[in-house]
């Protein structure tokens, strides 16, 4: 597989934000989650780019975007960043696809920042409380110890934790794509900065506002997601008017890694007004 690298940068507030645009057609924006970055979309974005103009980026403090002391990486900050990026790209009402914590950013931008989407796909959404894992809760309770742990121990902690996002075995190339931006002093600080700033109150605010959502919404969930249970998806369906839920079998929290073609097919079918045929057919799903 070719190296995944975002080729463009834009200055927003005090940070340089990495992004790229693939393909041509109606605009689609892909928003990654935690502990990922735009690398999460490396197998899905090219499939969608055959039919749409696909915008991918690394959130503030993630991937190739700036990481710095004093940086705000909360859900509210990421929602404002997404709003600013849509302005930069000149997108008034794009199609929106978000995963994990990226769902909080996408919903926050829509509910509180004035952004509008034509259609919205939410994948294994990290936007309803409680959605912090027991691991992350332990980290937050002992944040200073984790921030200052030796690099070799820190890497072993993430080496044990990140692969649990998948139902299938995570290979070394995939692990490296997720871990590399968190490597080193700057990366370690950024990783724990995000956990330290995770704001459950912002998620509660989103939940209270969901019944006024008017965007056609499709929710996808990995049937084997051990990070955020399926009942969160079932709660979202009840909260968002007209939303529907689809479950992907033999798929964990990172659906785009476990089943990239099936995930792309589900996204494509919903983004189109009618049920489109599979992008590459059922034989390519595994």
Protein backbone atom coordinates (compact mmCIF):
# COMPACT_ATOMS: atom_id res chain seq x y z
CA UNK A 1 0.00 0.00 0.00
CA UNK A 2 1.27 3.48 -0.90
CA UNK A 3 2.34 5.74 1.97
CA UNK A 4 -0.48 7.86 3.38
CA UNK A 5 0.52 11.51 3.58
CA UNK A 6 -1.55 14.69 3.55
CA UNK A 7 -0.08 17.12 1.04
CA UNK A 8 -1.56 20.49 2.03
CA UNK A 9 -1.49 22.73 5.10
CA UNK A 10 -3.60 25.69 6.17
CA UNK A 11 -3.09 28.05 9.09
CA UNK A 12 -6.13 28.23 11.38
CA UNK A 13 -5.78 30.37 14.49
CA UNK A 14 -2.32 29.47 15.83
CA UNK A 15 -2.04 26.03 14.24
CA UNK A 16 -1.09 24.50 10.91
CA UNK A 17 -3.71 21.92 9.92
CA UNK A 18 -2.83 19.13 7.48
CA UNK A 19 -5.38 18.16 4.84
CA UNK A 20 -5.84 16.77 1.35
CA UNK A 21 -8.54 16.58 -1.33
CA UNK A 22 -9.03 13.52 -3.53
CA UNK A 23 -11.24 12.96 -6.56
CA UNK A 24 -13.96 15.09 -8.11
CA UNK A 25 -17.71 15.49 -7.71
CA UNK A 26 -20.00 16.49 -4.83
CA UNK A 27 -17.98 17.24 -1.68
CA UNK A 28 -17.61 14.69 1.11
CA UNK A 29 -15.74 15.42 4.34
CA UNK A 30 -14.22 12.57 6.39
CA UNK A 31 -13.54 13.21 10.09
CA UNK A 32 -11.33 10.75 11.97
CA UNK A 33 -11.48 9.76 15.64
CA UNK A 34 -9.14 8.97 18.55
CA UNK A 35 -6.52 7.51 18.75
CA UNK A 36 -6.48 7.75 14.98
CA UNK A 37 -5.79 10.38 12.35
CA UNK A 38 -6.67 10.71 8.67
CA UNK A 39 -4.72 7.47 8.13
CA UNK A 40 -7.97 5.78 9.26
CA UNK A 41 -9.48 6.69 5.86
CA UNK A 42 -6.58 5.47 3.69
CA UNK A 43 -8.56 2.53 2.25
CA UNK A 44 -12.00 4.18 2.22
CA UNK A 45 -11.17 7.63 0.82
CA UNK A 46 -9.83 6.38 -2.56
CA UNK A 47 -12.97 4.29 -3.10
CA UNK A 48 -15.23 7.25 -2.37
CA UNK A 49 -13.04 9.53 -4.50
CA UNK A 50 -14.16 7.62 -7.60
CA UNK A 51 -17.54 9.36 -7.20
CA UNK A 52 -17.04 12.34 -4.88
CA UNK A 53 -14.52 15.08 -4.03
CA UNK A 54 -13.20 13.77 -0.72
CA UNK A 55 -11.77 16.11 1.93
CA UNK A 56 -9.61 14.55 4.66
CA UNK A 57 -7.67 16.26 7.45
CA UNK A 58 -5.91 15.72 10.76
CA UNK A 59 -7.64 17.34 13.70
CA UNK A 60 -5.77 19.87 15.80
CA UNK A 61 -3.16 17.98 17.84
CA UNK A 62 -3.45 14.84 15.69
CA UNK A 63 -1.52 13.27 12.82
CA UNK A 64 0.54 15.78 10.83
CA UNK A 65 -1.26 18.83 12.23
CA UNK A 66 0.42 21.00 14.85
CA UNK A 67 0.90 19.69 18.37
CA UNK A 68 1.98 22.19 21.04
CA UNK A 69 1.81 23.06 24.72
CA UNK A 70 -1.29 25.01 25.67
CA UNK A 71 -3.22 23.76 22.66
CA UNK A 72 -6.97 23.28 22.96
CA UNK A 73 -7.96 19.88 21.54
CA UNK A 74 -11.38 19.47 23.18
CA UNK A 75 -14.53 18.52 21.32
CA UNK A 76 -15.63 22.14 21.20
CA UNK A 77 -12.26 23.24 19.79
CA UNK A 78 -12.39 20.53 17.11
CA UNK A 79 -15.95 21.50 16.14
CA UNK A 80 -14.80 25.08 15.63
CA UNK A 81 -11.83 23.86 13.62
CA UNK A 82 -14.14 21.83 11.37
CA UNK A 83 -16.32 24.89 10.85
CA UNK A 84 -13.28 26.95 9.86
CA UNK A 85 -12.08 24.23 7.48
CA UNK A 86 -15.46 24.11 5.75
CA UNK A 87 -15.17 27.88 5.26
CA UNK A 88 -11.63 27.47 3.90
CA UNK A 89 -12.81 24.82 1.45
CA UNK A 90 -15.88 26.87 0.48
CA UNK A 91 -18.28 24.08 1.45
CA UNK A 92 -21.76 25.29 2.42
CA UNK A 93 -23.56 21.95 2.79
CA UNK A 94 -21.24 19.00 2.22
CA UNK A 95 -21.85 15.33 2.77
CA UNK A 96 -20.28 14.47 6.13
CA UNK A 97 -18.83 11.19 7.45
CA UNK A 98 -17.40 11.01 10.97
CA UNK A 99 -15.93 8.30 13.18
CA UNK A 100 -15.50 7.91 16.95
CA UNK A 101 -14.61 11.28 18.58
CA UNK A 102 -14.87 12.90 15.15
CA UNK A 103 -18.63 12.45 15.53
CA UNK A 104 -18.61 14.89 18.45
CA UNK A 105 -16.75 17.41 16.27
CA UNK A 106 -19.15 16.95 13.34
CA UNK A 107 -22.27 17.13 15.49
CA UNK A 108 -20.93 20.07 17.49
CA UNK A 109 -20.16 22.00 14.29
CA UNK A 110 -23.71 21.36 13.07
CA UNK A 111 -25.54 22.03 16.32
CA UNK A 112 -23.50 24.92 17.73
CA UNK A 113 -21.33 26.41 14.96
CA UNK A 114 -23.95 26.88 12.24
CA UNK A 115 -22.64 24.21 9.82
CA UNK A 116 -25.08 22.33 7.60
CA UNK A 117 -24.71 18.93 5.92
CA UNK A 118 -26.67 17.34 3.10
CA UNK A 119 -26.31 13.91 4.64
CA UNK A 120 -24.47 12.56 7.67
CA UNK A 121 -22.88 9.17 8.37
CA UNK A 122 -21.76 8.39 11.94
CA UNK A 123 -19.46 5.39 12.50
CA UNK A 124 -18.97 3.90 16.00
CA UNK A 125 -19.75 7.29 17.45
CA UNK A 126 -17.89 8.56 20.50
CA UNK A 127 -20.44 11.20 21.40
CA UNK A 128 -22.70 9.87 24.17
CA UNK A 129 -21.62 9.46 27.78
CA UNK A 130 -20.07 7.32 29.08
CA UNK A 131 -17.73 6.72 26.15
CA UNK A 132 -14.29 6.96 27.76
CA UNK A 133 -12.75 3.51 28.08
CA UNK A 134 -11.63 2.23 31.46
CA UNK A 135 -8.07 2.61 30.18
CA UNK A 136 -8.59 6.30 29.38
CA UNK A 137 -10.33 6.92 32.70
CA UNK A 138 -7.34 5.42 34.50
CA UNK A 139 -4.99 7.60 32.44
CA UNK A 140 -6.92 10.74 33.32
CA UNK A 141 -6.92 9.84 37.02
CA UNK A 142 -3.11 9.49 36.93
CA UNK A 143 -2.33 11.93 34.11
CA UNK A 144 1.03 13.21 35.38
CA UNK A 145 2.39 9.69 35.77
CA UNK A 146 1.45 8.83 32.19
CA UNK A 147 2.76 12.11 30.81
CA UNK A 148 6.17 11.50 32.35
CA UNK A 149 6.54 7.73 31.86
CA UNK A 150 9.64 6.55 29.94
CA UNK A 151 9.20 6.39 26.17
CA UNK A 152 9.71 2.62 25.96
CA UNK A 153 6.99 1.97 28.54
CA UNK A 154 4.67 4.48 26.87
CA UNK A 155 5.08 2.69 23.53
CA UNK A 156 4.28 -0.65 25.11
CA UNK A 157 1.11 0.81 26.66
CA UNK A 158 -0.10 2.01 23.26
CA UNK A 159 1.08 -1.17 21.56
CA UNK A 160 -1.26 -3.09 23.85
CA UNK A 161 -4.12 -0.59 23.58
CA UNK A 162 -4.39 0.59 19.94
CA UNK A 163 -4.82 -2.89 18.36
CA UNK A 164 -7.97 -3.44 20.45
CA UNK A 165 -9.73 -1.02 18.08
CA UNK A 166 -9.92 -3.88 15.56
CA UNK A 167 -11.74 -7.21 15.55
CA UNK A 168 -9.09 -8.70 13.26
CA UNK A 169 -5.40 -8.77 14.15
CA UNK A 170 -3.77 -5.39 13.57
CA UNK A 171 -0.61 -5.72 11.47
CA UNK A 172 2.57 -3.72 12.13
CA UNK A 173 2.02 -1.33 9.22
CA UNK A 174 -1.41 -0.37 10.55
CA UNK A 175 -0.16 0.01 14.11
CA UNK A 176 2.68 2.24 12.91
CA UNK A 177 0.25 4.43 10.96
CA UNK A 178 -1.62 5.14 14.18
CA UNK A 179 1.28 5.25 16.61
CA UNK A 180 3.83 7.25 14.58
CA UNK A 181 2.19 10.66 15.18
CA UNK A 182 2.14 9.94 18.93
CA UNK A 183 5.83 8.93 19.04
CA UNK A 184 8.44 11.07 20.81
CA UNK A 185 8.14 13.74 23.49
CA UNK A 186 5.79 15.91 21.43
CA UNK A 187 3.58 12.99 20.44
CA UNK A 188 3.36 11.61 23.96
CA UNK A 189 2.38 15.02 25.32
CA UNK A 190 -0.26 15.39 22.58
CA UNK A 191 -1.76 11.96 23.26
CA UNK A 192 -2.29 12.65 26.93
CA UNK A 193 -3.31 16.28 26.29
CA UNK A 194 -6.31 14.97 24.41
CA UNK A 195 -7.31 12.58 27.20
CA UNK A 196 -6.81 15.30 29.81
CA UNK A 197 -9.10 17.71 27.91
CA UNK A 198 -11.86 15.20 27.15
CA UNK A 199 -15.07 17.02 28.16
CA UNK A 200 -18.10 14.92 29.09
CA UNK A 201 -20.12 18.13 29.60
CA UNK A 202 -19.76 18.94 25.91
CA UNK A 203 -21.09 15.49 25.03
CA UNK A 204 -24.07 16.04 27.33
CA UNK A 205 -24.71 19.33 25.57
CA UNK A 206 -24.68 17.54 22.21
CA UNK A 207 -27.05 14.84 23.47
CA UNK A 208 -29.58 17.41 24.68
CA UNK A 209 -29.51 19.11 21.26
CA UNK A 210 -29.78 15.97 19.08
CA UNK A 211 -33.61 15.93 18.87
CA UNK A 212 -33.46 19.13 16.78
CA UNK A 213 -31.19 17.56 14.14
CA UNK A 214 -32.79 17.80 10.67
CA UNK A 215 -30.00 16.15 8.62
CA UNK A 216 -30.68 12.72 7.09
CA UNK A 217 -28.46 10.46 9.22
CA UNK A 218 -27.15 6.91 8.90
CA UNK A 219 -25.41 5.29 11.88
CA UNK A 220 -22.98 2.39 11.34
CA UNK A 221 -21.61 0.21 14.14
CA UNK A 222 -19.10 -2.59 14.33
CA UNK A 223 -20.85 -5.67 15.67
CA UNK A 224 -17.69 -6.55 17.62
CA UNK A 225 -16.87 -3.05 18.89
CA UNK A 226 -15.32 -3.46 22.36
CA UNK A 227 -14.55 0.26 22.77
CA UNK A 228 -18.06 1.70 22.53
CA UNK A 229 -20.96 -0.75 22.79
CA UNK A 230 -23.73 -1.05 20.23
CA UNK A 231 -26.30 0.31 22.68
CA UNK A 232 -24.77 3.76 22.08
CA UNK A 233 -25.80 3.44 18.44
CA UNK A 234 -29.28 2.35 19.51
CA UNK A 235 -29.52 5.42 21.76
CA UNK A 236 -28.41 7.69 18.91
CA UNK A 237 -31.10 6.29 16.61
CA UNK A 238 -33.73 7.20 19.19
CA UNK A 239 -32.29 10.69 19.69
CA UNK A 240 -31.77 11.78 16.06
CA UNK A 241 -35.05 12.17 14.16
CA UNK A 242 -35.29 9.78 11.21
CA UNK A 243 -31.86 8.20 11.76
CA UNK A 244 -31.25 4.56 10.83
CA UNK A 245 -28.74 2.06 12.21
CA UNK A 246 -26.70 -0.58 10.39
CA UNK A 247 -24.48 -3.16 12.09
CA UNK A 248 -21.33 -4.43 10.36
CA UNK A 249 -20.59 -8.08 11.28
CA UNK A 250 -17.11 -9.16 12.35
CA UNK A 251 -16.06 -5.51 12.65
CA UNK A 252 -14.57 -3.75 15.67
CA UNK A 253 -14.35 -0.08 16.59
CA UNK A 254 -12.19 0.82 13.58
CA UNK A 255 -14.58 -0.34 10.86
CA UNK A 256 -12.42 1.26 8.16
CA UNK A 257 -9.59 -1.16 9.05
CA UNK A 258 -11.62 -4.30 9.64
CA UNK A 259 -13.83 -3.95 6.54
CA UNK A 260 -12.85 -0.98 4.35
CA UNK A 261 -14.81 -1.96 1.26
CA UNK A 262 -17.96 -2.89 3.17
CA UNK A 263 -17.68 0.40 5.09
CA UNK A 264 -17.21 2.38 1.86
CA UNK A 265 -20.16 0.58 0.27
CA UNK A 266 -22.41 1.46 3.23
CA UNK A 267 -21.31 5.09 3.10
CA UNK A 268 -21.77 5.30 -0.67
CA UNK A 269 -25.22 3.72 -0.61
CA UNK A 270 -26.44 6.31 1.90
CA UNK A 271 -24.75 9.32 0.31
CA UNK A 272 -26.44 8.61 -2.99
CA UNK A 273 -30.13 9.31 -3.26
CA UNK A 274 -30.83 5.74 -4.39
CA UNK A 275 -29.21 2.46 -3.36
CA UNK A 276 -26.01 2.34 -5.40
CA UNK A 277 -24.37 -0.96 -6.32
CA UNK A 278 -21.33 -2.01 -4.31
CA UNK A 279 -18.15 -0.14 -5.23
CA UNK A 280 -16.19 -3.31 -5.90
CA UNK A 281 -18.63 -6.09 -5.23
CA UNK A 282 -19.14 -8.57 -2.46
CA UNK A 283 -16.07 -10.59 -3.43
CA UNK A 284 -13.82 -7.72 -2.35
CA UNK A 285 -15.35 -7.29 1.10
CA UNK A 286 -12.79 -9.39 2.97
